[in-house]
Amino acid sequence: MRRYVITGAPGTGKTALVESLTHVGTIVGEPARELIAEHREATGERSLDGFPELFIERLVVRSIEKFDAAPDAEAVIYDRGLPDCVAYANVFSLDPGPALAAAAARRYSDPVFVTPPWEAIYSVDDMRRATFEQIRGFHDELVAAYETLGYELVELPQATVAERVQIVTTFLRQRTRQ
């Protein structure tokens, strides 16, 4: 099984891209948005911002569960991977050690596709409230986390979803032939 990650800071077109890749493989949804939605439903609070330790702990657990429960498919495409937990921990100035250990123990296939910050499409919503400058900082943490773990990164261009789908699809087809 090949496990591919599409990562990027919030508001970079990552999820739209992932949702358009169902023809390439089995899609595994983003754990951070799931946790925030569950927290909101249970408590009525908009985010887990006041509980960063709890958020990171739950994010690592949920990401491990998603990795371990991946279906036996030729290709599985993740909307974020375990190294994203390292970036979140660093952004919140928390110890990234537990996230780093979990990420090191569970490897994804190379390459990891990165959607870079793109101010023209960035917008805030009820789950995404960071400034664009904060998004850039998170992007840098993501790149650093994946590079620390030895992943090959492919930064996608600022392009339409269809163009990005074509780039990812072509890249994965070439990798499958190797």
N, C-alpha and C. Protein backbone atom coordinates (compact mmCIF):
# COMPACT_ATOMS: atom_id res chain seq x y z
N MET A 1 0.85 -1.17 0.00
CA MET A 1 0.00 0.00 0.00
C MET A 1 0.90 1.24 0.00
N ARG A 2 0.50 2.20 -0.79
CA ARG A 2 1.20 3.49 -0.81
C ARG A 2 0.33 4.50 -0.07
N ARG A 3 0.96 5.25 0.82
CA ARG A 3 0.26 6.26 1.62
C ARG A 3 0.83 7.62 1.28
N TYR A 4 -0.01 8.47 0.71
CA TYR A 4 0.44 9.80 0.31
C TYR A 4 -0.24 10.86 1.17
N VAL A 5 0.51 11.91 1.47
CA VAL A 5 -0.02 13.01 2.27
C VAL A 5 -0.07 14.26 1.41
N ILE A 6 -1.18 14.98 1.56
CA ILE A 6 -1.28 16.33 1.04
C ILE A 6 -1.39 17.20 2.28
N THR A 7 -0.44 18.10 2.42
CA THR A 7 -0.42 18.96 3.60
C THR A 7 -0.31 20.41 3.17
N GLY A 8 -0.56 21.26 4.11
CA GLY A 8 -0.46 22.69 3.86
C GLY A 8 -1.16 23.42 4.99
N ALA A 9 -0.83 24.66 5.11
CA ALA A 9 -1.48 25.48 6.13
C ALA A 9 -2.96 25.61 5.79
N PRO A 10 -3.77 25.97 6.77
CA PRO A 10 -5.20 26.18 6.51
C PRO A 10 -5.40 27.24 5.42
N GLY A 11 -6.40 27.01 4.59
CA GLY A 11 -6.77 27.99 3.58
C GLY A 11 -5.90 28.01 2.35
N THR A 12 -5.20 26.90 2.07
CA THR A 12 -4.31 26.85 0.91
C THR A 12 -4.85 25.97 -0.22
N GLY A 13 -6.08 25.50 -0.08
CA GLY A 13 -6.68 24.66 -1.11
C GLY A 13 -6.42 23.18 -0.95
N LYS A 14 -5.87 22.80 0.18
CA LYS A 14 -5.50 21.41 0.44
C LYS A 14 -6.69 20.46 0.43
N THR A 15 -7.70 20.79 1.19
CA THR A 15 -8.85 19.89 1.30
C THR A 15 -9.61 19.79 -0.01
N ALA A 16 -9.76 20.89 -0.72
CA ALA A 16 -10.42 20.84 -2.03
C ALA A 16 -9.66 19.92 -2.98
N LEU A 17 -8.35 19.97 -2.92
CA LEU A 17 -7.53 19.09 -3.75
C LEU A 17 -7.74 17.64 -3.35
N VAL A 18 -7.62 17.36 -2.06
CA VAL A 18 -7.78 15.97 -1.58
C VAL A 18 -9.14 15.41 -1.99
N GLU A 19 -10.19 16.19 -1.81
CA GLU A 19 -11.54 15.72 -2.15
C GLU A 19 -11.72 15.48 -3.65
N SER A 20 -10.83 16.02 -4.46
CA SER A 20 -10.89 15.83 -5.91
C SER A 20 -10.00 14.68 -6.38
N LEU A 21 -9.40 13.96 -5.47
CA LEU A 21 -8.50 12.86 -5.83
C LEU A 21 -9.08 11.48 -5.57
N THR A 22 -10.39 11.38 -5.46
CA THR A 22 -11.01 10.08 -5.18
C THR A 22 -10.74 9.06 -6.28
N HIS A 23 -10.48 9.53 -7.49
CA HIS A 23 -10.19 8.61 -8.60
C HIS A 23 -8.79 8.01 -8.51
N VAL A 24 -7.95 8.58 -7.64
CA VAL A 24 -6.57 8.14 -7.51
C VAL A 24 -6.41 7.12 -6.38
N GLY A 25 -7.20 7.28 -5.32
CA GLY A 25 -7.07 6.39 -4.19
C GLY A 25 -8.12 6.65 -3.14
N THR A 26 -8.01 5.94 -2.04
CA THR A 26 -8.91 6.09 -0.91
C THR A 26 -8.50 7.34 -0.12
N ILE A 27 -9.48 8.16 0.22
CA ILE A 27 -9.22 9.43 0.90
C ILE A 27 -9.42 9.26 2.40
N VAL A 28 -8.49 9.81 3.18
CA VAL A 28 -8.60 9.84 4.63
C VAL A 28 -8.67 11.31 5.04
N GLY A 29 -9.78 11.68 5.69
CA GLY A 29 -10.04 13.07 6.04
C GLY A 29 -9.12 13.66 7.08
N GLU A 30 -9.20 14.98 7.18
CA GLU A 30 -8.33 15.74 8.08
C GLU A 30 -8.78 15.60 9.54
N PRO A 31 -7.88 15.12 10.40
CA PRO A 31 -8.26 14.92 11.80
C PRO A 31 -8.47 16.22 12.59
N ALA A 32 -7.74 17.29 12.28
CA ALA A 32 -7.87 18.52 13.07
C ALA A 32 -9.28 19.10 12.95
N ARG A 33 -9.79 19.19 11.73
CA ARG A 33 -11.16 19.72 11.56
C ARG A 33 -12.19 18.82 12.25
N GLU A 34 -11.97 17.51 12.19
CA GLU A 34 -12.88 16.58 12.86
C GLU A 34 -12.91 16.86 14.36
N LEU A 35 -11.73 17.01 14.96
CA LEU A 35 -11.65 17.24 16.41
C LEU A 35 -12.30 18.56 16.79
N ILE A 36 -12.09 19.59 16.01
CA ILE A 36 -12.69 20.89 16.31
C ILE A 36 -14.21 20.79 16.21
N ALA A 37 -14.71 20.11 15.17
CA ALA A 37 -16.16 19.95 15.01
C ALA A 37 -16.75 19.15 16.17
N GLU A 38 -16.08 18.09 16.59
CA GLU A 38 -16.55 17.28 17.71
C GLU A 38 -16.56 18.09 19.00
N HIS A 39 -15.52 18.87 19.22
CA HIS A 39 -15.44 19.71 20.41
C HIS A 39 -16.57 20.74 20.41
N ARG A 40 -16.81 21.33 19.27
CA ARG A 40 -17.88 22.33 19.15
C ARG A 40 -19.24 21.69 19.45
N GLU A 41 -19.47 20.50 18.92
CA GLU A 41 -20.75 19.82 19.15
C GLU A 41 -20.93 19.45 20.62
N ALA A 42 -19.85 19.02 21.26
CA ALA A 42 -19.94 18.59 22.65
C ALA A 42 -20.03 19.74 23.64
N THR A 43 -19.36 20.87 23.33
CA THR A 43 -19.26 21.95 24.31
C THR A 43 -19.91 23.26 23.87
N GLY A 44 -20.13 23.41 22.58
CA GLY A 44 -20.64 24.67 22.06
C GLY A 44 -19.55 25.70 21.84
N GLU A 45 -18.31 25.38 22.22
CA GLU A 45 -17.19 26.30 22.02
C GLU A 45 -16.69 26.20 20.59
N ARG A 46 -16.26 27.33 20.04
CA ARG A 46 -15.86 27.39 18.63
C ARG A 46 -14.57 26.68 18.31
N SER A 47 -13.66 26.58 19.27
CA SER A 47 -12.37 25.98 18.95
C SER A 47 -11.74 25.38 20.21
N LEU A 48 -10.61 24.75 19.99
CA LEU A 48 -9.82 24.20 21.09
C LEU A 48 -8.64 25.12 21.41
N ASP A 49 -8.70 26.37 20.98
CA ASP A 49 -7.59 27.30 21.18
C ASP A 49 -7.19 27.42 22.65
N GLY A 50 -8.11 27.34 23.55
CA GLY A 50 -7.80 27.48 24.97
C GLY A 50 -7.22 26.22 25.58
N PHE A 51 -7.15 25.15 24.79
CA PHE A 51 -6.68 23.86 25.30
C PHE A 51 -5.65 23.25 24.34
N PRO A 52 -4.54 23.93 24.09
CA PRO A 52 -3.61 23.42 23.07
C PRO A 52 -3.02 22.05 23.41
N GLU A 53 -2.73 21.80 24.69
CA GLU A 53 -2.17 20.49 25.05
C GLU A 53 -3.16 19.38 24.73
N LEU A 54 -4.42 19.59 25.09
CA LEU A 54 -5.45 18.61 24.82
C LEU A 54 -5.64 18.42 23.31
N PHE A 55 -5.63 19.52 22.58
CA PHE A 55 -5.79 19.44 21.13
C PHE A 55 -4.66 18.62 20.50
N ILE A 56 -3.42 18.90 20.87
CA ILE A 56 -2.29 18.16 20.29
C ILE A 56 -2.35 16.69 20.68
N GLU A 57 -2.67 16.42 21.94
CA GLU A 57 -2.77 15.03 22.39
C GLU A 57 -3.83 14.28 21.58
N ARG A 58 -4.99 14.87 21.44
CA ARG A 58 -6.07 14.24 20.67
C ARG A 58 -5.72 14.13 19.18
N LEU A 59 -5.03 15.14 18.67
CA LEU A 59 -4.65 15.14 17.26
C LEU A 59 -3.68 14.00 16.96
N VAL A 60 -2.72 13.79 17.84
CA VAL A 60 -1.77 12.68 17.65
C VAL A 60 -2.52 11.35 17.69
N VAL A 61 -3.39 11.18 18.69
CA VAL A 61 -4.14 9.92 18.81
C VAL A 61 -5.01 9.70 17.57
N ARG A 62 -5.73 10.72 17.14
CA ARG A 62 -6.61 10.58 15.98
C ARG A 62 -5.80 10.30 14.71
N SER A 63 -4.67 10.94 14.58
CA SER A 63 -3.84 10.72 13.39
C SER A 63 -3.27 9.30 13.37
N ILE A 64 -2.89 8.78 14.52
CA ILE A 64 -2.42 7.39 14.61
C ILE A 64 -3.57 6.45 14.24
N GLU A 65 -4.74 6.71 14.78
CA GLU A 65 -5.90 5.86 14.46
C GLU A 65 -6.17 5.84 12.96
N LYS A 66 -6.10 6.99 12.33
CA LYS A 66 -6.35 7.08 10.89
C LYS A 66 -5.28 6.34 10.10
N PHE A 67 -4.04 6.46 10.54
CA PHE A 67 -2.95 5.75 9.87
C PHE A 67 -3.15 4.24 10.00
N ASP A 68 -3.39 3.79 11.22
CA ASP A 68 -3.51 2.35 11.49
C ASP A 68 -4.76 1.74 10.87
N ALA A 69 -5.80 2.52 10.70
CA ALA A 69 -7.07 1.99 10.17
C ALA A 69 -7.20 2.14 8.65
N ALA A 70 -6.16 2.60 8.00
CA ALA A 70 -6.24 2.81 6.55
C ALA A 70 -6.63 1.51 5.86
N PRO A 71 -7.53 1.61 4.91
CA PRO A 71 -7.96 0.41 4.20
C PRO A 71 -6.83 -0.13 3.32
N ASP A 72 -6.90 -1.41 3.05
CA ASP A 72 -5.91 -2.03 2.18
C ASP A 72 -6.25 -1.64 0.74
N ALA A 73 -5.66 -0.57 0.30
CA ALA A 73 -5.91 -0.05 -1.04
C ALA A 73 -4.57 0.21 -1.71
N GLU A 74 -4.58 0.28 -3.02
CA GLU A 74 -3.33 0.55 -3.74
C GLU A 74 -2.74 1.89 -3.32
N ALA A 75 -3.61 2.89 -3.19
CA ALA A 75 -3.14 4.21 -2.78
C ALA A 75 -4.12 4.80 -1.77
N VAL A 76 -3.58 5.35 -0.71
CA VAL A 76 -4.37 6.04 0.30
C VAL A 76 -3.84 7.46 0.36
N ILE A 77 -4.75 8.43 0.30
CA ILE A 77 -4.36 9.83 0.30
C ILE A 77 -4.89 10.48 1.56
N TYR A 78 -3.97 11.02 2.36
CA TYR A 78 -4.30 11.63 3.64
C TYR A 78 -4.37 13.15 3.53
N ASP A 79 -5.41 13.71 4.08
CA ASP A 79 -5.52 15.15 4.25
C ASP A 79 -4.84 15.44 5.59
N ARG A 80 -3.57 15.69 5.54
CA ARG A 80 -2.64 15.88 6.66
C ARG A 80 -2.12 14.52 7.15
N GLY A 81 -0.91 14.55 7.69
CA GLY A 81 -0.28 13.36 8.23
C GLY A 81 0.23 13.61 9.64
N LEU A 82 0.80 12.60 10.23
CA LEU A 82 1.33 12.71 11.59
C LEU A 82 2.37 13.82 11.75
N PRO A 83 3.23 14.08 10.77
CA PRO A 83 4.16 15.20 10.95
C PRO A 83 3.47 16.56 11.13
N ASP A 84 2.22 16.68 10.68
CA ASP A 84 1.48 17.91 10.93
C ASP A 84 1.31 18.15 12.43
N CYS A 85 1.21 17.08 13.20
CA CYS A 85 1.08 17.20 14.66
C CYS A 85 2.32 17.86 15.26
N VAL A 86 3.47 17.57 14.68
CA VAL A 86 4.72 18.19 15.14
C VAL A 86 4.65 19.69 14.90
N ALA A 87 4.18 20.07 13.71
CA ALA A 87 4.06 21.50 13.38
C ALA A 87 3.08 22.19 14.33
N TYR A 88 1.93 21.56 14.57
CA TYR A 88 0.96 22.15 15.51
C TYR A 88 1.59 22.33 16.89
N ALA A 89 2.31 21.31 17.37
CA ALA A 89 2.94 21.42 18.69
C ALA A 89 3.93 22.59 18.71
N ASN A 90 4.72 22.73 17.67
CA ASN A 90 5.68 23.84 17.62
C ASN A 90 4.98 25.19 17.57
N VAL A 91 3.89 25.30 16.83
CA VAL A 91 3.15 26.56 16.75
C VAL A 91 2.62 26.95 18.12
N PHE A 92 2.17 25.96 18.90
CA PHE A 92 1.64 26.23 20.24
C PHE A 92 2.74 26.26 21.30
N SER A 93 4.00 26.17 20.88
CA SER A 93 5.15 26.17 21.81
C SER A 93 5.06 25.03 22.81
N LEU A 94 4.62 23.88 22.34
CA LEU A 94 4.54 22.68 23.17
C LEU A 94 5.64 21.71 22.78
N ASP A 95 5.89 20.73 23.63
CA ASP A 95 6.90 19.71 23.34
C ASP A 95 6.45 18.89 22.14
N PRO A 96 7.20 18.91 21.03
CA PRO A 96 6.81 18.13 19.87
C PRO A 96 7.24 16.66 19.96
N GLY A 97 7.93 16.29 21.04
CA GLY A 97 8.48 14.94 21.18
C GLY A 97 7.50 13.80 20.95
N PRO A 98 6.34 13.78 21.64
CA PRO A 98 5.41 12.68 21.41
C PRO A 98 4.91 12.62 19.96
N ALA A 99 4.64 13.76 19.37
CA ALA A 99 4.19 13.79 17.97
C ALA A 99 5.31 13.32 17.05
N LEU A 100 6.53 13.75 17.32
CA LEU A 100 7.67 13.36 16.50
C LEU A 100 7.90 11.85 16.58
N ALA A 101 7.79 11.28 17.78
CA ALA A 101 7.97 9.83 17.94
C ALA A 101 6.89 9.07 17.17
N ALA A 102 5.64 9.52 17.26
CA ALA A 102 4.55 8.85 16.54
C ALA A 102 4.76 8.96 15.03
N ALA A 103 5.20 10.13 14.57
CA ALA A 103 5.42 10.35 13.14
C ALA A 103 6.60 9.52 12.63
N ALA A 104 7.62 9.37 13.44
CA ALA A 104 8.78 8.59 13.03
C ALA A 104 8.44 7.09 12.94
N ALA A 105 7.49 6.64 13.75
CA ALA A 105 7.12 5.23 13.79
C ALA A 105 6.16 4.83 12.67
N ARG A 106 5.55 5.80 12.02
CA ARG A 106 4.56 5.52 10.98
C ARG A 106 4.90 6.37 9.76
N ARG A 107 5.42 5.73 8.74
CA ARG A 107 5.90 6.44 7.56
C ARG A 107 4.87 6.45 6.43
N TYR A 108 4.85 7.57 5.74
CA TYR A 108 4.05 7.71 4.52
C TYR A 108 4.99 7.54 3.33
N SER A 109 4.41 7.39 2.18
CA SER A 109 5.21 7.28 0.96
C SER A 109 5.67 8.66 0.51
N ASP A 110 6.80 8.68 -0.17
CA ASP A 110 7.25 9.91 -0.81
C ASP A 110 6.64 9.98 -2.20
N PRO A 111 6.36 11.17 -2.65
CA PRO A 111 6.57 12.46 -2.01
C PRO A 111 5.36 12.87 -1.18
N VAL A 112 5.57 13.90 -0.37
CA VAL A 112 4.50 14.57 0.34
C VAL A 112 4.21 15.84 -0.46
N PHE A 113 2.95 16.06 -0.78
CA PHE A 113 2.56 17.23 -1.56
C PHE A 113 2.19 18.37 -0.61
N VAL A 114 2.72 19.56 -0.88
CA VAL A 114 2.52 20.71 -0.01
C VAL A 114 1.82 21.81 -0.79
N THR A 115 0.71 22.29 -0.23
CA THR A 115 0.02 23.44 -0.80
C THR A 115 0.52 24.68 -0.06
N PRO A 116 1.20 25.59 -0.75
CA PRO A 116 1.80 26.75 -0.08
C PRO A 116 0.77 27.83 0.24
N PRO A 117 1.11 28.73 1.14
CA PRO A 117 0.21 29.85 1.43
C PRO A 117 -0.10 30.63 0.15
N TRP A 118 -1.36 31.01 0.03
CA TRP A 118 -1.82 31.67 -1.18
C TRP A 118 -2.84 32.72 -0.76
N GLU A 119 -2.38 33.94 -0.65
CA GLU A 119 -3.20 35.01 -0.09
C GLU A 119 -4.48 35.24 -0.87
N ALA A 120 -4.45 35.04 -2.18
CA ALA A 120 -5.63 35.31 -3.01
C ALA A 120 -6.81 34.40 -2.67
N ILE A 121 -6.54 33.19 -2.16
CA ILE A 121 -7.65 32.28 -1.84
C ILE A 121 -7.88 32.14 -0.34
N TYR A 122 -6.99 32.72 0.47
CA TYR A 122 -7.12 32.56 1.91
C TYR A 122 -8.32 33.35 2.43
N SER A 123 -9.09 32.71 3.28
CA SER A 123 -10.19 33.40 3.95
C SER A 123 -10.37 32.79 5.33
N VAL A 124 -10.95 33.55 6.22
CA VAL A 124 -11.26 33.05 7.55
C VAL A 124 -12.68 32.52 7.54
N ASP A 125 -12.95 31.61 8.45
CA ASP A 125 -14.30 31.10 8.64
C ASP A 125 -14.47 30.77 10.12
N ASP A 126 -15.52 30.06 10.47
CA ASP A 126 -15.75 29.80 11.89
C ASP A 126 -14.75 28.83 12.50
N MET A 127 -13.98 28.11 11.69
CA MET A 127 -12.94 27.23 12.20
C MET A 127 -11.54 27.76 11.90
N ARG A 128 -11.43 28.66 10.97
CA ARG A 128 -10.13 29.18 10.53
C ARG A 128 -10.10 30.68 10.81
N ARG A 129 -9.34 31.06 11.84
CA ARG A 129 -9.33 32.47 12.24
C ARG A 129 -7.94 33.09 12.23
N ALA A 130 -6.93 32.36 11.81
CA ALA A 130 -5.56 32.87 11.81
C ALA A 130 -5.36 33.94 10.76
N THR A 131 -4.43 34.83 11.04
CA THR A 131 -4.06 35.83 10.03
C THR A 131 -3.23 35.14 8.95
N PHE A 132 -3.10 35.81 7.81
CA PHE A 132 -2.29 35.23 6.74
C PHE A 132 -0.84 35.08 7.17
N GLU A 133 -0.32 36.00 7.95
CA GLU A 133 1.05 35.88 8.45
C GLU A 133 1.21 34.65 9.35
N GLN A 134 0.21 34.37 10.16
CA GLN A 134 0.25 33.16 10.99
C GLN A 134 0.23 31.91 10.12
N ILE A 135 -0.50 31.96 9.03
CA ILE A 135 -0.56 30.84 8.09
C ILE A 135 0.83 30.59 7.50
N ARG A 136 1.53 31.66 7.16
CA ARG A 136 2.89 31.50 6.62
C ARG A 136 3.80 30.83 7.65
N GLY A 137 3.68 31.24 8.91
CA GLY A 137 4.49 30.63 9.97
C GLY A 137 4.17 29.15 10.13
N PHE A 138 2.89 28.80 10.06
CA PHE A 138 2.51 27.39 10.17
C PHE A 138 3.06 26.61 8.98
N HIS A 139 3.01 27.19 7.80
CA HIS A 139 3.57 26.54 6.61
C HIS A 139 5.05 26.20 6.85
N ASP A 140 5.80 27.16 7.37
CA ASP A 140 7.23 26.93 7.64
C ASP A 140 7.42 25.79 8.63
N GLU A 141 6.57 25.71 9.65
CA GLU A 141 6.66 24.62 10.63
C GLU A 141 6.34 23.27 9.98
N LEU A 142 5.34 23.26 9.08
CA LEU A 142 5.02 22.01 8.38
C LEU A 142 6.20 21.52 7.55
N VAL A 143 6.75 22.41 6.77
CA VAL A 143 7.89 22.04 5.93
C VAL A 143 9.03 21.51 6.79
N ALA A 144 9.33 22.20 7.88
CA ALA A 144 10.41 21.78 8.77
C ALA A 144 10.13 20.40 9.37
N ALA A 145 8.90 20.15 9.77
CA ALA A 145 8.56 18.85 10.38
C ALA A 145 8.77 17.71 9.38
N TYR A 146 8.27 17.88 8.17
CA TYR A 146 8.42 16.82 7.16
C TYR A 146 9.89 16.65 6.76
N GLU A 147 10.62 17.76 6.64
CA GLU A 147 12.04 17.65 6.29
C GLU A 147 12.83 16.98 7.40
N THR A 148 12.51 17.29 8.66
CA THR A 148 13.18 16.65 9.80
C THR A 148 13.02 15.14 9.74
N LEU A 149 11.86 14.70 9.29
CA LEU A 149 11.57 13.27 9.21
C LEU A 149 12.03 12.65 7.89
N GLY A 150 12.70 13.43 7.06
CA GLY A 150 13.32 12.89 5.85
C GLY A 150 12.41 12.71 4.66
N TYR A 151 11.31 13.41 4.60
CA TYR A 151 10.40 13.27 3.47
C TYR A 151 10.84 14.12 2.28
N GLU A 152 10.55 13.62 1.10
CA GLU A 152 10.70 14.38 -0.13
C GLU A 152 9.42 15.21 -0.27
N LEU A 153 9.58 16.51 -0.45
CA LEU A 153 8.43 17.40 -0.56
C LEU A 153 8.29 17.90 -1.99
N VAL A 154 7.05 17.96 -2.44
CA VAL A 154 6.73 18.56 -3.73
C VAL A 154 5.76 19.70 -3.45
N GLU A 155 6.24 20.93 -3.67
CA GLU A 155 5.37 22.09 -3.46
C GLU A 155 4.54 22.29 -4.72
N LEU A 156 3.24 22.33 -4.52
CA LEU A 156 2.32 22.51 -5.64
C LEU A 156 2.21 23.98 -5.98
N PRO A 157 1.99 24.28 -7.25
CA PRO A 157 1.87 25.69 -7.64
C PRO A 157 0.52 26.26 -7.22
N GLN A 158 0.46 27.56 -7.20
CA GLN A 158 -0.82 28.24 -6.98
C GLN A 158 -1.56 28.13 -8.30
N ALA A 159 -2.48 27.18 -8.36
CA ALA A 159 -3.18 26.85 -9.59
C ALA A 159 -4.58 26.38 -9.24
N THR A 160 -5.40 26.16 -10.25
CA THR A 160 -6.75 25.68 -10.01
C THR A 160 -6.71 24.28 -9.40
N VAL A 161 -7.81 23.89 -8.82
CA VAL A 161 -7.90 22.53 -8.26
C VAL A 161 -7.65 21.51 -9.36
N ALA A 162 -8.25 21.71 -10.52
CA ALA A 162 -8.08 20.76 -11.64
C ALA A 162 -6.61 20.66 -12.05
N GLU A 163 -5.92 21.78 -12.09
CA GLU A 163 -4.50 21.75 -12.46
C GLU A 163 -3.68 21.04 -11.40
N ARG A 164 -4.00 21.27 -10.15
CA ARG A 164 -3.28 20.59 -9.07
C ARG A 164 -3.57 19.09 -9.10
N VAL A 165 -4.82 18.72 -9.35
CA VAL A 165 -5.18 17.30 -9.46
C VAL A 165 -4.35 16.65 -10.55
N GLN A 166 -4.22 17.31 -11.68
CA GLN A 166 -3.44 16.77 -12.79
C GLN A 166 -1.98 16.57 -12.40
N ILE A 167 -1.41 17.53 -11.71
CA ILE A 167 -0.01 17.43 -11.27
C ILE A 167 0.17 16.24 -10.33
N VAL A 168 -0.69 16.14 -9.33
CA VAL A 168 -0.58 15.04 -8.36
C VAL A 168 -0.81 13.70 -9.05
N THR A 169 -1.82 13.61 -9.87
CA THR A 169 -2.15 12.36 -10.56
C THR A 169 -0.99 11.91 -11.44
N THR A 170 -0.43 12.83 -12.20
CA THR A 170 0.69 12.50 -13.08
C THR A 170 1.89 12.02 -12.26
N PHE A 171 2.18 12.72 -11.19
CA PHE A 171 3.31 12.37 -10.33
C PHE A 171 3.12 10.97 -9.75
N LEU A 172 1.92 10.67 -9.25
CA LEU A 172 1.67 9.37 -8.62
C LEU A 172 1.70 8.24 -9.65
N ARG A 173 1.21 8.51 -10.83
CA ARG A 173 1.27 7.48 -11.88
C ARG A 173 2.72 7.16 -12.24
N GLN A 174 3.55 8.17 -12.31
CA GLN A 174 4.97 7.96 -12.60
C GLN A 174 5.61 7.15 -11.49
N ARG A 175 5.27 7.43 -10.24
CA ARG A 175 5.84 6.71 -9.10
C ARG A 175 5.39 5.25 -9.10
N THR A 176 4.16 5.00 -9.50
CA THR A 176 3.63 3.65 -9.48
C THR A 176 4.34 2.78 -10.52
N ARG A 177 4.78 3.37 -11.60
CA ARG A 177 5.48 2.62 -12.65
C ARG A 177 6.90 2.27 -12.26
N GLN A 178 7.47 2.98 -11.31
CA GLN A 178 8.87 2.76 -10.93
C GLN A 178 9.04 1.50 -10.13
